[in-house]
Structure formats: C-alpha cells, structure tokens
PDB file of N, CA and C in Angstrom:
ATOM      1  N   MET A   1      -8.702  17.055   0.723  1.00  0.00           N
ATOM      2  CA  MET A   1      -8.862  17.232   1.881  1.00  0.00           C
ATOM      3  C   MET A   1      -9.901  18.636   1.829  1.00  0.00           C
ATOM      4  N   GLY A   2     -10.433  18.548   3.232  1.00  0.00           N
ATOM      5  CA  GLY A   2     -11.600  19.289   3.099  1.00  0.00           C
ATOM      6  C   GLY A   2     -13.181  18.668   3.080  1.00  0.00           C
ATOM      7  N   LYS A   3     -13.956  19.592   3.062  1.00  0.00           N
ATOM      8  CA  LYS A   3     -15.435  19.779   2.768  1.00  0.00           C
ATOM      9  C   LYS A   3     -15.807  19.697   1.684  1.00  0.00           C
ATOM     10  N   TRP A   4     -16.555  18.883   1.187  1.00  0.00           N
ATOM     11  CA  TRP A   4     -17.345  19.103   0.007  1.00  0.00           C
ATOM     12  C   TRP A   4     -18.608  18.637   0.206  1.00  0.00           C
ATOM     13  N   GLN A   5     -19.553  19.953  -0.965  1.00  0.00           N
ATOM     14  CA  GLN A   5     -20.688  19.583  -1.072  1.00  0.00           C
ATOM     15  C   GLN A   5     -21.102  18.931  -2.669  1.00  0.00           C
ATOM     16  N   CYS A   6     -22.059  17.728  -2.444  1.00  0.00           N
ATOM     17  CA  CYS A   6     -22.197  17.392  -4.070  1.00  0.00           C
ATOM     18  C   CYS A   6     -23.174  17.664  -4.878  1.00  0.00           C
ATOM     19  N   THR A   7     -22.876  18.130  -5.789  1.00  0.00           N
ATOM     20  CA  THR A   7     -23.477  19.512  -7.264  1.00  0.00           C
ATOM     21  C   THR A   7     -24.451  18.248  -8.009  1.00  0.00           C
ATOM     22  N   ASN A   8     -24.452  17.321  -8.244  1.00  0.00           N
ATOM     23  CA  ASN A   8     -25.213  16.742  -8.864  1.00  0.00           C
ATOM     24  C   ASN A   8     -26.395  15.674  -8.083  1.00  0.00           C
ATOM     25  N   GLU A   9     -26.478  15.796  -7.107  1.00  0.00           N
ATOM     26  CA  GLU A   9     -27.434  15.181  -6.081  1.00  0.00           C
ATOM     27  C   GLU A   9     -29.136  15.138  -6.563  1.00  0.00           C
ATOM     28  N   ALA A  10     -29.779  14.260  -6.566  1.00  0.00           N
ATOM     29  CA  ALA A  10     -31.189  14.188  -6.657  1.00  0.00           C
ATOM     30  C   ALA A  10     -32.105  15.294  -5.945  1.00  0.00           C
ATOM     31  N   ALA A  11     -33.080  15.957  -6.514  1.00  0.00           N
ATOM     32  CA  ALA A  11     -33.607  17.208  -6.026  1.00  0.00           C
ATOM     33  C   ALA A  11     -34.293  16.871  -4.670  1.00  0.00           C
ATOM     34  N   GLY A  12     -33.851  17.661  -3.618  1.00  0.00           N
ATOM     35  CA  GLY A  12     -35.011  17.984  -2.215  1.00  0.00           C
ATOM     36  C   GLY A  12     -33.258  17.052  -1.343  1.00  0.00           C
ATOM     37  N   LYS A  13     -32.647  16.209  -2.307  1.00  0.00           N
ATOM     38  CA  LYS A  13     -31.212  16.067  -0.766  1.00  0.00           C
ATOM     39  C   LYS A  13     -29.972  16.869  -1.452  1.00  0.00           C
ATOM     40  N   ARG A  14     -29.043  16.668  -0.194  1.00  0.00           N
ATOM     41  CA  ARG A  14     -27.972  17.239   0.022  1.00  0.00           C
ATOM     42  C   ARG A  14     -26.648  16.244   0.541  1.00  0.00           C
ATOM     43  N   THR A  15     -25.612  16.662  -0.267  1.00  0.00           N
ATOM     44  CA  THR A  15     -24.962  14.849   0.053  1.00  0.00           C
ATOM     45  C   THR A  15     -23.600  16.052   0.438  1.00  0.00           C
ATOM     46  N   PHE A  16     -23.079  15.470   1.177  1.00  0.00           N
ATOM     47  CA  PHE A  16     -21.345  16.271   2.025  1.00  0.00           C
ATOM     48  C   PHE A  16     -20.538  14.893   2.128  1.00  0.00           C
ATOM     49  N   GLU A  17     -19.316  15.532   1.923  1.00  0.00           N
ATOM     50  CA  GLU A  17     -18.206  14.559   2.168  1.00  0.00           C
ATOM     51  C   GLU A  17     -17.270  15.295   2.964  1.00  0.00           C
ATOM     52  N   ASN A  18     -16.523  14.961   3.909  1.00  0.00           N
ATOM     53  CA  ASN A  18     -15.635  15.398   4.758  1.00  0.00           C
ATOM     54  C   ASN A  18     -14.648  14.998   5.183  1.00  0.00           C
ATOM     55  N   TRP A  19     -13.303  15.693   4.875  1.00  0.00           N
ATOM     56  CA  TRP A  19     -11.858  14.615   4.784  1.00  0.00           C
ATOM     57  C   TRP A  19     -10.770  15.315   5.388  1.00  0.00           C
ATOM     58  N   GLU A  20     -10.536  14.866   6.144  1.00  0.00           N
ATOM     59  CA  GLU A  20      -9.332  15.227   7.625  1.00  0.00           C
ATOM     60  C   GLU A  20      -7.910  14.068   6.977  1.00  0.00           C
ATOM     61  N   LYS A  21      -6.544  15.113   6.729  1.00  0.00           N
ATOM     62  CA  LYS A  21      -5.467  14.195   7.069  1.00  0.00           C
ATOM     63  C   LYS A  21      -5.101  13.848   8.497  1.00  0.00           C
ATOM     64  N   ILE A  22      -5.117  12.681   8.852  1.00  0.00           N
ATOM     65  CA  ILE A  22      -4.651  12.365   9.992  1.00  0.00           C
ATOM     66  C   ILE A  22      -3.258  12.362  10.437  1.00  0.00           C
ATOM     67  N   ASN A  23      -2.534  11.650   9.547  1.00  0.00           N
ATOM     68  CA  ASN A  23      -0.981  11.513   9.378  1.00  0.00           C
ATOM     69  C   ASN A  23      -0.430  11.257   8.010  1.00  0.00           C
ATOM     70  N   ASP A  24       0.587  10.665   8.249  1.00  0.00           N
ATOM     71  CA  ASP A  24       1.211  10.379   6.364  1.00  0.00           C
ATOM     72  C   ASP A  24       0.443   9.443   5.874  1.00  0.00           C
ATOM     73  N   SER A  25       0.080   8.183   6.711  1.00  0.00           N
ATOM     74  CA  SER A  25      -0.686   7.100   6.431  1.00  0.00           C
ATOM     75  C   SER A  25      -2.183   6.941   6.789  1.00  0.00           C
ATOM     76  N   THR A  26      -2.769   7.963   7.106  1.00  0.00           N
ATOM     77  CA  THR A  26      -4.382   8.151   7.270  1.00  0.00           C
ATOM     78  C   THR A  26      -5.231   9.139   7.447  1.00  0.00           C
ATOM     79  N   TYR A  27      -6.186   8.662   6.379  1.00  0.00           N
ATOM     80  CA  TYR A  27      -7.082   9.829   6.646  1.00  0.00           C
ATOM     81  C   TYR A  27      -8.448   9.363   6.295  1.00  0.00           C
ATOM     82  N   ALA A  28      -9.263  10.330   7.046  1.00  0.00           N
ATOM     83  CA  ALA A  28     -10.667   9.983   7.608  1.00  0.00           C
ATOM     84  C   ALA A  28     -11.829  11.033   7.167  1.00  0.00           C
ATOM     85  N   GLY A  29     -12.540   9.957   6.487  1.00  0.00           N
ATOM     86  CA  GLY A  29     -13.766  10.694   6.059  1.00  0.00           C
ATOM     87  C   GLY A  29     -15.366  10.227   6.366  1.00  0.00           C
ATOM     88  N   PHE A  30     -15.822  11.307   6.592  1.00  0.00           N
ATOM     89  CA  PHE A  30     -17.405  11.065   6.969  1.00  0.00           C
ATOM     90  C   PHE A  30     -18.260  11.776   5.989  1.00  0.00           C
ATOM     91  N   ALA A  31     -19.161  10.764   5.364  1.00  0.00           N
ATOM     92  CA  ALA A  31     -20.337  11.211   4.116  1.00  0.00           C
ATOM     93  C   ALA A  31     -21.311  11.353   4.589  1.00  0.00           C
ATOM     94  N   PHE A  32     -22.463  12.159   4.173  1.00  0.00           N
ATOM     95  CA  PHE A  32     -23.824  11.682   4.746  1.00  0.00           C
ATOM     96  C   PHE A  32     -24.652  12.805   3.683  1.00  0.00           C
ATOM     97  N   THR A  33     -26.505  12.192   3.556  1.00  0.00           N
ATOM     98  CA  THR A  33     -27.146  12.641   2.801  1.00  0.00           C
ATOM     99  C   THR A  33     -28.236  13.166   3.431  1.00  0.00           C
ATOM    100  N   LEU A  34     -28.923  14.539   3.258  1.00  0.00           N
ATOM    101  CA  LEU A  34     -29.494  14.892   4.061  1.00  0.00           C
ATOM    102  C   LEU A  34     -30.657  15.087   3.178  1.00  0.00           C
ATOM    103  N   GLN A  35     -31.867  14.734   3.717  1.00  0.00           N
ATOM    104  CA  GLN A  35     -33.626  14.913   3.044  1.00  0.00           C
ATOM    105  C   GLN A  35     -34.170  15.712   4.026  1.00  0.00           C
ATOM    106  N   LYS A  36     -34.543  17.339   3.549  1.00  0.00           N
ATOM    107  CA  LYS A  36     -34.817  18.184   4.428  1.00  0.00           C
ATOM    108  C   LYS A  36     -33.501  18.226   5.444  1.00  0.00           C
ATOM    109  N   ASP A  37     -34.204  18.129   6.603  1.00  0.00           N
ATOM    110  CA  ASP A  37     -32.963  18.194   7.513  1.00  0.00           C
ATOM    111  C   ASP A  37     -32.701  16.988   8.419  1.00  0.00           C
ATOM    112  N   ASP A  38     -33.170  15.795   7.829  1.00  0.00           N
ATOM    113  CA  ASP A  38     -33.045  14.552   8.466  1.00  0.00           C
ATOM    114  C   ASP A  38     -31.960  13.650   7.181  1.00  0.00           C
ATOM    115  N   THR A  39     -31.086  13.005   8.559  1.00  0.00           N
ATOM    116  CA  THR A  39     -30.018  12.342   8.063  1.00  0.00           C
ATOM    117  C   THR A  39     -30.743  11.290   7.375  1.00  0.00           C
ATOM    118  N   ILE A  40     -30.228  10.589   5.746  1.00  0.00           N
ATOM    119  CA  ILE A  40     -30.913   9.788   5.360  1.00  0.00           C
ATOM    120  C   ILE A  40     -30.002   8.394   4.951  1.00  0.00           C
ATOM    121  N   ASN A  41     -28.711   8.765   4.917  1.00  0.00           N
ATOM    122  CA  ASN A  41     -27.600   8.431   4.779  1.00  0.00           C
ATOM    123  C   ASN A  41     -26.505   8.444   5.299  1.00  0.00           C
ATOM    124  N   GLN A  42     -25.409   8.067   5.611  1.00  0.00           N
ATOM    125  CA  GLN A  42     -23.974   8.003   6.401  1.00  0.00           C
ATOM    126  C   GLN A  42     -23.126   6.629   6.328  1.00  0.00           C
ATOM    127  N   GLU A  43     -21.468   7.686   5.794  1.00  0.00           N
ATOM    128  CA  GLU A  43     -20.663   6.704   6.209  1.00  0.00           C
ATOM    129  C   GLU A  43     -19.737   7.018   6.738  1.00  0.00           C
ATOM    130  N   LYS A  44     -18.741   6.388   7.454  1.00  0.00           N
ATOM    131  CA  LYS A  44     -17.509   6.646   7.300  1.00  0.00           C
ATOM    132  C   LYS A  44     -16.333   5.974   6.728  1.00  0.00           C
ATOM    133  N   MET A  45     -15.202   6.777   6.320  1.00  0.00           N
ATOM    134  CA  MET A  45     -14.120   6.221   5.523  1.00  0.00           C
ATOM    135  C   MET A  45     -12.795   6.527   6.299  1.00  0.00           C
ATOM    136  N   ASN A  46     -11.915   5.527   5.871  1.00  0.00           N
ATOM    137  CA  ASN A  46     -10.354   5.765   5.870  1.00  0.00           C
ATOM    138  C   ASN A  46      -9.595   5.519   4.815  1.00  0.00           C
ATOM    139  N   ILE A  47      -8.810   6.268   4.662  1.00  0.00           N
ATOM    140  CA  ILE A  47      -7.684   5.701   3.469  1.00  0.00           C
ATOM    141  C   ILE A  47      -6.613   5.511   4.960  1.00  0.00           C
ATOM    142  N   ILE A  48      -5.976   4.151   4.252  1.00  0.00           N
ATOM    143  CA  ILE A  48      -4.970   3.728   5.153  1.00  0.00           C
ATOM    144  C   ILE A  48      -4.143   3.216   4.424  1.00  0.00           C
ATOM    145  N   LYS A  49      -2.483   3.420   5.025  1.00  0.00           N
ATOM    146  CA  LYS A  49      -1.629   2.715   4.504  1.00  0.00           C
ATOM    147  C   LYS A  49      -0.936   1.885   4.934  1.00  0.00           C
ATOM    148  N   THR A  50      -1.182   0.336   4.776  1.00  0.00           N
ATOM    149  CA  THR A  50      -0.252  -0.736   5.715  1.00  0.00           C
ATOM    150  C   THR A  50       1.065  -1.433   4.567  1.00  0.00           C
ATOM    151  N   ASP A  51       2.024  -1.649   5.352  1.00  0.00           N
ATOM    152  CA  ASP A  51       2.829  -2.444   4.471  1.00  0.00           C
ATOM    153  C   ASP A  51       3.176  -1.884   2.879  1.00  0.00           C
ATOM    154  N   ASP A  52       2.894  -0.395   2.906  1.00  0.00           N
ATOM    155  CA  ASP A  52       3.328   0.449   1.114  1.00  0.00           C
ATOM    156  C   ASP A  52       2.110  -0.044   0.075  1.00  0.00           C
ATOM    157  N   ASN A  53       0.943  -0.296   0.929  1.00  0.00           N
ATOM    158  CA  ASN A  53       0.022  -0.818   0.016  1.00  0.00           C
ATOM    159  C   ASN A  53      -0.761   0.632   0.995  1.00  0.00           C
ATOM    160  N   TRP A  54      -1.980   1.307  -0.066  1.00  0.00           N
ATOM    161  CA  TRP A  54      -3.197   1.949   0.344  1.00  0.00           C
ATOM    162  C   TRP A  54      -4.774   1.199   0.288  1.00  0.00           C
ATOM    163  N   LYS A  55      -5.336   1.102   1.194  1.00  0.00           N
ATOM    164  CA  LYS A  55      -6.495   0.913   1.194  1.00  0.00           C
ATOM    165  C   LYS A  55      -7.724   1.951   1.442  1.00  0.00           C
ATOM    166  N   LEU A  56      -9.132   1.293   1.036  1.00  0.00           N
ATOM    167  CA  LEU A  56      -9.927   2.752   1.415  1.00  0.00           C
ATOM    168  C   LEU A  56     -11.236   1.632   2.144  1.00  0.00           C
ATOM    169  N   ARG A  57     -11.414   1.912   3.686  1.00  0.00           N
ATOM    170  CA  ARG A  57     -12.395   1.392   4.264  1.00  0.00           C
ATOM    171  C   ARG A  57     -13.488   2.445   4.352  1.00  0.00           C
ATOM    172  N   VAL A  58     -15.229   1.732   4.077  1.00  0.00           N
ATOM    173  CA  VAL A  58     -15.653   2.001   4.122  1.00  0.00           C
ATOM    174  C   VAL A  58     -17.055   1.349   5.206  1.00  0.00           C
ATOM    175  N   LYS A  59     -17.459   2.566   5.800  1.00  0.00           N
ATOM    176  CA  LYS A  59     -18.861   1.241   6.958  1.00  0.00           C
ATOM    177  C   LYS A  59     -19.923   2.489   7.061  1.00  0.00           C
ATOM    178  N   THR A  60     -20.897   1.770   6.849  1.00  0.00           N
ATOM    179  CA  THR A  60     -22.441   2.690   6.967  1.00  0.00           C
ATOM    180  C   THR A  60     -22.597   1.910   8.543  1.00  0.00           C
ATOM    181  N   PRO A  61     -23.467   2.467   9.297  1.00  0.00           N
ATOM    182  CA  PRO A  61     -24.251   2.352  10.658  1.00  0.00           C
ATOM    183  C   PRO A  61     -24.527   1.024  10.824  1.00  0.00           C
ATOM    184  N   ASP A  62     -25.443   0.488   9.274  1.00  0.00           N
ATOM    185  CA  ASP A  62     -25.757  -0.779   9.261  1.00  0.00           C
ATOM    186  C   ASP A  62     -25.187  -2.194   9.298  1.00  0.00           C
ATOM    187  N   GLU A  63     -23.394  -1.678   9.072  1.00  0.00           N
ATOM    188  CA  GLU A  63     -22.339  -2.788   8.945  1.00  0.00           C
ATOM    189  C   GLU A  63     -21.593  -3.015  10.124  1.00  0.00           C
ATOM    190  N   LYS A  64     -21.519  -4.083  10.455  1.00  0.00           N
ATOM    191  CA  LYS A  64     -20.583  -4.275  11.535  1.00  0.00           C
ATOM    192  C   LYS A  64     -19.346  -4.021  11.613  1.00  0.00           C
ATOM    193  N   ASP A  65     -18.667  -4.193  10.768  1.00  0.00           N
ATOM    194  CA  ASP A  65     -16.965  -3.975   9.834  1.00  0.00           C
ATOM    195  C   ASP A  65     -17.146  -3.131   8.905  1.00  0.00           C
ATOM    196  N   PHE A  66     -15.835  -2.130   8.771  1.00  0.00           N
ATOM    197  CA  PHE A  66     -15.601  -1.591   7.581  1.00  0.00           C
ATOM    198  C   PHE A  66     -15.272  -2.599   6.255  1.00  0.00           C
ATOM    199  N   ILE A  67     -16.047  -2.066   5.669  1.00  0.00           N
ATOM    200  CA  ILE A  67     -15.667  -2.920   4.192  1.00  0.00           C
ATOM    201  C   ILE A  67     -14.273  -2.408   3.293  1.00  0.00           C
ATOM    202  N   LEU A  68     -13.604  -3.206   3.284  1.00  0.00           N
ATOM    203  CA  LEU A  68     -12.351  -2.948   2.639  1.00  0.00           C
ATOM    204  C   LEU A  68     -11.964  -2.876   1.111  1.00  0.00           C
ATOM    205  N   PHE A  69     -11.451  -2.003   0.176  1.00  0.00           N
ATOM    206  CA  PHE A  69     -11.566  -1.953  -1.224  1.00  0.00           C
ATOM    207  C   PHE A  69      -9.231  -1.736  -1.042  1.00  0.00           C
ATOM    208  N   GLU A  70      -8.924  -2.166  -1.915  1.00  0.00           N
ATOM    209  CA  GLU A  70      -7.832  -2.265  -2.238  1.00  0.00           C
ATOM    210  C   GLU A  70      -7.156  -1.193  -3.094  1.00  0.00           C
ATOM    211  N   MET A  71      -6.386  -0.710  -3.028  1.00  0.00           N
ATOM    212  CA  MET A  71      -6.133   0.714  -4.162  1.00  0.00           C
ATOM    213  C   MET A  71      -5.606  -0.252  -5.361  1.00  0.00           C
ATOM    214  N   SER A  72      -6.067  -0.050  -6.421  1.00  0.00           N
ATOM    215  CA  SER A  72      -5.871  -0.358  -7.485  1.00  0.00           C
ATOM    216  C   SER A  72      -4.899   0.422  -8.524  1.00  0.00           C
ATOM    217  N   THR A  73      -4.786   1.508  -8.438  1.00  0.00           N
ATOM    218  CA  THR A  73      -4.458   2.889  -9.193  1.00  0.00           C
ATOM    219  C   THR A  73      -4.392   3.943  -8.627  1.00  0.00           C
ATOM    220  N   ILE A  74      -3.105   4.702  -8.175  1.00  0.00           N
ATOM    221  CA  ILE A  74      -2.730   5.671  -7.896  1.00  0.00           C
ATOM    222  C   ILE A  74      -2.253   6.712  -8.572  1.00  0.00           C
ATOM    223  N   ASN A  75      -2.475   7.999  -8.994  1.00  0.00           N
ATOM    224  CA  ASN A  75      -2.153   9.218  -9.587  1.00  0.00           C
ATOM    225  C   ASN A  75      -1.779  10.256  -9.205  1.00  0.00           C
ATOM    226  N   LEU A  76      -1.217  11.519  -9.799  1.00  0.00           N
ATOM    227  CA  LEU A  76      -1.496  12.504  -8.842  1.00  0.00           C
ATOM    228  C   LEU A  76      -2.826  13.152  -9.521  1.00  0.00           C
ATOM    229  N   GLY A  77      -3.600  13.061  -8.437  1.00  0.00           N
ATOM    230  CA  GLY A  77      -4.762  13.684  -8.217  1.00  0.00           C
ATOM    231  C   GLY A  77      -6.086  13.163  -8.598  1.00  0.00           C
ATOM    232  N   GLN A  78      -5.624  11.425  -8.665  1.00  0.00           N
ATOM    233  CA  GLN A  78      -6.726  10.530  -8.372  1.00  0.00           C
ATOM    234  C   GLN A  78      -6.226   8.969  -8.245  1.00  0.00           C
ATOM    235  N   PHE A  79      -7.576   8.110  -7.638  1.00  0.00           N
ATOM    236  CA  PHE A  79      -7.280   6.952  -7.050  1.00  0.00           C
ATOM    237  C   PHE A  79      -8.340   5.887  -7.484  1.00  0.00           C
ATOM    238  N   GLU A  80      -8.168   4.857  -7.783  1.00  0.00           N
ATOM    239  CA  GLU A  80      -9.108   3.734  -7.606  1.00  0.00           C
ATOM    240  C   GLU A  80      -9.098   2.691  -6.888  1.00  0.00           C
ATOM    241  N   CYS A  81      -9.962   2.288  -6.379  1.00  0.00           N
ATOM    242  CA  CYS A  81     -10.327   1.074  -5.066  1.00  0.00           C
ATOM    243  C   CYS A  81     -10.832  -0.363  -5.650  1.00  0.00           C
ATOM    244  N   LYS A  82     -10.922  -1.269  -5.276  1.00  0.00           N
ATOM    245  CA  LYS A  82     -11.373  -2.525  -6.025  1.00  0.00           C
ATOM    246  C   LYS A  82     -11.730  -3.262  -4.474  1.00  0.00           C
ATOM    247  N   ASN A  83     -13.005  -4.358  -4.786  1.00  0.00           N
ATOM    248  CA  ASN A  83     -13.269  -5.293  -3.905  1.00  0.00           C
ATOM    249  C   ASN A  83     -14.076  -6.045  -5.195  1.00  0.00           C
ATOM    250  N   ASP A  84     -13.564  -7.224  -5.393  1.00  0.00           N
ATOM    251  CA  ASP A  84     -14.025  -7.750  -6.435  1.00  0.00           C
ATOM    252  C   ASP A  84     -15.012  -8.327  -5.958  1.00  0.00           C
ATOM    253  N   SER A  85     -14.995  -8.779  -4.703  1.00  0.00           N
ATOM    254  CA  SER A  85     -15.916 -10.099  -3.929  1.00  0.00           C
ATOM    255  C   SER A  85     -17.063  -9.454  -3.698  1.00  0.00           C
ATOM    256  N   LEU A  86     -17.463  -8.377  -4.073  1.00  0.00           N
ATOM    257  CA  LEU A  86     -18.715  -7.271  -3.989  1.00  0.00           C
ATOM    258  C   LEU A  86     -19.785  -7.068  -5.142  1.00  0.00           C
ATOM    259  N   PRO A  87     -20.751  -7.434  -5.496  1.00  0.00           N
ATOM    260  CA  PRO A  87     -21.599  -7.033  -6.446  1.00  0.00           C
ATOM    261  C   PRO A  87     -21.630  -5.377  -6.770  1.00  0.00           C
ATOM    262  N   PHE A  88     -21.921  -4.613  -5.571  1.00  0.00           N
ATOM    263  CA  PHE A  88     -21.672  -3.147  -5.733  1.00  0.00           C
ATOM    264  C   PHE A  88     -21.982  -2.938  -4.572  1.00  0.00           C
ATOM    265  N   PRO A  89     -21.022  -1.284  -4.696  1.00  0.00           N
ATOM    266  CA  PRO A  89     -20.027  -1.467  -5.737  1.00  0.00           C
ATOM    267  C   PRO A  89     -19.065  -1.918  -5.396  1.00  0.00           C
ATOM    268  N   ASN A  90     -18.477  -2.316  -6.460  1.00  0.00           N
ATOM    269  CA  ASN A  90     -17.129  -3.348  -6.476  1.00  0.00           C
ATOM    270  C   ASN A  90     -15.944  -2.281  -6.995  1.00  0.00           C
ATOM    271  N   ARG A  91     -15.561  -1.128  -7.322  1.00  0.00           N
ATOM    272  CA  ARG A  91     -15.031   0.127  -7.634  1.00  0.00           C
ATOM    273  C   ARG A  91     -15.340   1.626  -7.327  1.00  0.00           C
ATOM    274  N   ILE A  92     -14.481   2.020  -6.806  1.00  0.00           N
ATOM    275  CA  ILE A  92     -14.770   3.162  -6.061  1.00  0.00           C
ATOM    276  C   ILE A  92     -13.680   3.823  -6.816  1.00  0.00           C
ATOM    277  N   LYS A  93     -13.748   4.963  -7.771  1.00  0.00           N
ATOM    278  CA  LYS A  93     -13.052   6.422  -8.233  1.00  0.00           C
ATOM    279  C   LYS A  93     -13.423   7.815  -7.659  1.00  0.00           C
ATOM    280  N   TYR A  94     -11.754   8.245  -7.670  1.00  0.00           N
ATOM    281  CA  TYR A  94     -12.382   9.819  -7.068  1.00  0.00           C
ATOM    282  C   TYR A  94     -10.992  10.480  -7.863  1.00  0.00           C
ATOM    283  N   TRP A  95     -11.247  11.694  -8.489  1.00  0.00           N
ATOM    284  CA  TRP A  95     -10.098  12.550  -9.232  1.00  0.00           C
ATOM    285  C   TRP A  95     -10.492  14.015  -9.125  1.00  0.00           C
ATOM    286  N   ARG A  96      -9.663  14.452  -9.104  1.00  0.00           N
ATOM    287  CA  ARG A  96      -9.888  16.119  -9.497  1.00  0.00           C
ATOM    288  C   ARG A  96      -9.592  16.455 -10.796  1.00  0.00           C
ATOM    289  N   ASP A  97     -10.775  17.254 -10.760  1.00  0.00           N
ATOM    290  CA  ASP A  97     -11.117  18.336 -12.496  1.00  0.00           C
ATOM    291  C   ASP A  97     -11.022  19.700 -11.921  1.00  0.00           C
ATOM    292  N   GLY A  98      -9.927  20.298 -12.191  1.00  0.00           N
ATOM    293  CA  GLY A  98     -10.130  21.661 -12.009  1.00  0.00           C
ATOM    294  C   GLY A  98     -10.154  21.650 -10.273  1.00  0.00           C
ATOM    295  N   GLU A  99     -11.539  22.711  -9.632  1.00  0.00           N
ATOM    296  CA  GLU A  99     -11.826  23.052  -8.618  1.00  0.00           C
ATOM    297  C   GLU A  99     -12.649  21.948  -8.157  1.00  0.00           C
ATOM    298  N   GLN A 100     -12.792  21.278  -9.026  1.00  0.00           N
ATOM    299  CA  GLN A 100     -13.694  20.064  -8.723  1.00  0.00           C
ATOM    300  C   GLN A 100     -13.550  18.776  -8.102  1.00  0.00           C
ATOM    301  N   LEU A 101     -13.901  18.086  -6.982  1.00  0.00           N
ATOM    302  CA  LEU A 101     -13.877  16.688  -6.823  1.00  0.00           C
ATOM    303  C   LEU A 101     -14.951  15.632  -7.432  1.00  0.00           C
ATOM    304  N   LYS A 102     -14.404  14.905  -8.208  1.00  0.00           N
ATOM    305  CA  LYS A 102     -15.413  13.729  -8.993  1.00  0.00           C
ATOM    306  C   LYS A 102     -14.808  12.223  -8.193  1.00  0.00           C
ATOM    307  N   ALA A 103     -16.336  11.883  -8.394  1.00  0.00           N
ATOM    308  CA  ALA A 103     -15.421  10.366  -7.928  1.00  0.00           C
ATOM    309  C   ALA A 103     -16.709   9.503  -8.859  1.00  0.00           C
ATOM    310  N   THR A 104     -17.167   8.013  -9.007  1.00  0.00           N
ATOM    311  CA  THR A 104     -17.902   7.036  -9.431  1.00  0.00           C
ATOM    312  C   THR A 104     -17.802   5.765  -8.547  1.00  0.00           C
ATOM    313  N   VAL A 105     -18.713   5.237  -8.350  1.00  0.00           N
ATOM    314  CA  VAL A 105     -19.107   3.826  -7.654  1.00  0.00           C
ATOM    315  C   VAL A 105     -19.640   3.154  -8.845  1.00  0.00           C
ATOM    316  N   SER A 106     -19.181   1.914  -8.823  1.00  0.00           N
ATOM    317  CA  SER A 106     -19.322   1.229 -10.157  1.00  0.00           C
ATOM    318  C   SER A 106     -19.604  -0.494  -9.619  1.00  0.00           C
ATOM    319  N   GLY A 107     -20.141  -1.039 -10.444  1.00  0.00           N
ATOM    320  CA  GLY A 107     -20.707  -2.530 -10.577  1.00  0.00           C
ATOM    321  C   GLY A 107     -21.228  -3.256 -11.314  1.00  0.00           C
ATOM    322  N   ASP A 108     -20.887  -4.316 -11.370  1.00  0.00           N
ATOM    323  CA  ASP A 108     -21.929  -4.893 -12.908  1.00  0.00           C
ATOM    324  C   ASP A 108     -21.898  -3.831 -14.042  1.00  0.00           C
ATOM    325  N   SER A 109     -23.236  -3.604 -14.452  1.00  0.00           N
ATOM    326  CA  SER A 109     -22.981  -2.701 -15.507  1.00  0.00           C
ATOM    327  C   SER A 109     -23.542  -1.228 -15.074  1.00  0.00           C
ATOM    328  N   LEU A 110     -23.946  -0.989 -13.380  1.00  0.00           N
ATOM    329  CA  LEU A 110     -24.035   0.204 -12.887  1.00  0.00           C
ATOM    330  C   LEU A 110     -22.985   1.005 -12.448  1.00  0.00           C
ATOM    331  N   GLN A 111     -23.168   2.528 -12.813  1.00  0.00           N
ATOM    332  CA  GLN A 111     -22.285   3.520 -12.925  1.00  0.00           C
ATOM    333  C   GLN A 111     -23.009   4.806 -12.078  1.00  0.00           C
ATOM    334  N   ILE A 112     -22.866   5.071 -10.626  1.00  0.00           N
ATOM    335  CA  ILE A 112     -22.903   6.224 -10.377  1.00  0.00           C
ATOM    336  C   ILE A 112     -22.266   7.452 -10.222  1.00  0.00           C
ATOM    337  N   PRO A 113     -21.944   8.743 -10.636  1.00  0.00           N
ATOM    338  CA  PRO A 113     -21.159   9.494 -10.824  1.00  0.00           C
ATOM    339  C   PRO A 113     -21.363  10.786  -9.341  1.00  0.00           C
ATOM    340  N   PHE A 114     -20.320  11.307  -8.958  1.00  0.00           N
ATOM    341  CA  PHE A 114     -21.174  11.992  -8.391  1.00  0.00           C
ATOM    342  C   PHE A 114     -19.761  13.810  -8.212  1.00  0.00           C
ATOM    343  N   GLU A 115     -20.044  14.708  -8.185  1.00  0.00           N
ATOM    344  CA  GLU A 115     -19.355  15.926  -8.228  1.00  0.00           C
ATOM    345  C   GLU A 115     -19.835  16.636  -7.353  1.00  0.00           C
ATOM    346  N   PHE A 116     -18.389  17.046  -6.599  1.00  0.00           N
ATOM    347  CA  PHE A 116     -18.298  17.929  -5.351  1.00  0.00           C
ATOM    348  C   PHE A 116     -17.898  19.229  -5.841  1.00  0.00           C
ATOM    349  N   LYS A 117     -18.295  19.993  -4.924  1.00  0.00           N
ATOM    350  CA  LYS A 117     -17.739  21.709  -5.126  1.00  0.00           C
ATOM    351  C   LYS A 117     -17.253  21.724  -3.486  1.00  0.00           C
ATOM    352  N   LYS A 118     -15.656  22.397  -3.438  1.00  0.00           N
ATOM    353  CA  LYS A 118     -15.236  22.489  -2.091  1.00  0.00           C
ATOM    354  C   LYS A 118     -16.092  23.756  -1.203  1.00  0.00           C
ATOM    355  N   LEU A 119     -16.711  23.449  -0.284  1.00  0.00           N
ATOM    356  CA  LEU A 119     -17.213  24.784   0.641  1.00  0.00           C
ATOM    357  C   LEU A 119     -15.942  25.224   1.175  1.00  0.00           C
TER     358      LEU A 119
END
C-alpha cells in the first residue's frame, strides 16, 4: 500500500502507482505515466476478494469494462495473476524486494519489468 514511483522508466517519463486498502477484501490502485507534465497513460486497478478468491481488475480510459485477472499464486509479499484469454499481458506479478516493489507484465515471449520506490 502507499505511493510508489517507477525507477526504471524510459528517459523523459515518470510512472507512479498509488494503492489504498479500502477494507479487508478490497484494495484500490491508480497508475499513471507523465511525459513532461502531460498524462500519457493511466489505469484504474482493484484487488478484490470474492468467494475466497482474489482477483485483480484493470481498466484504462479506452476500455469499457475492467479486465479481470485471477490470482494464481499468493505468498507472503508477492502475488501473480493470469488471464489466458489475452495475448498481452496475460500475466501480472508483484513482489516486495526489501524496500522496493517490483512487478512484471508478460505474455507470449515479451516481459516488461517495473521497479518502484516508495514515496
């Protein structure tokens, strides 16, 4: 939880993720990328628990509905989600590495790593 800034973003861009615990079964997240002072990308995210199963939901402004990812792995300090119906990304993984938050989005042979520091 908290506010995070990506430390391995391309030159000229700044990416942030903000996460908040709403209750014991809901977390809300918002991610955005700035180029200079313009927002060039944004995503709303939720982690929700329904029927003892955790799910990650992701929505960009261009999408009508949230895209659903089922949590396939949950361990202390990490989780991985999947949606095999998508070409990319069909896997999203988050984990803590000391004081850093790391993530990967992947599909087919492409994998994009993210490294965040807490603000």
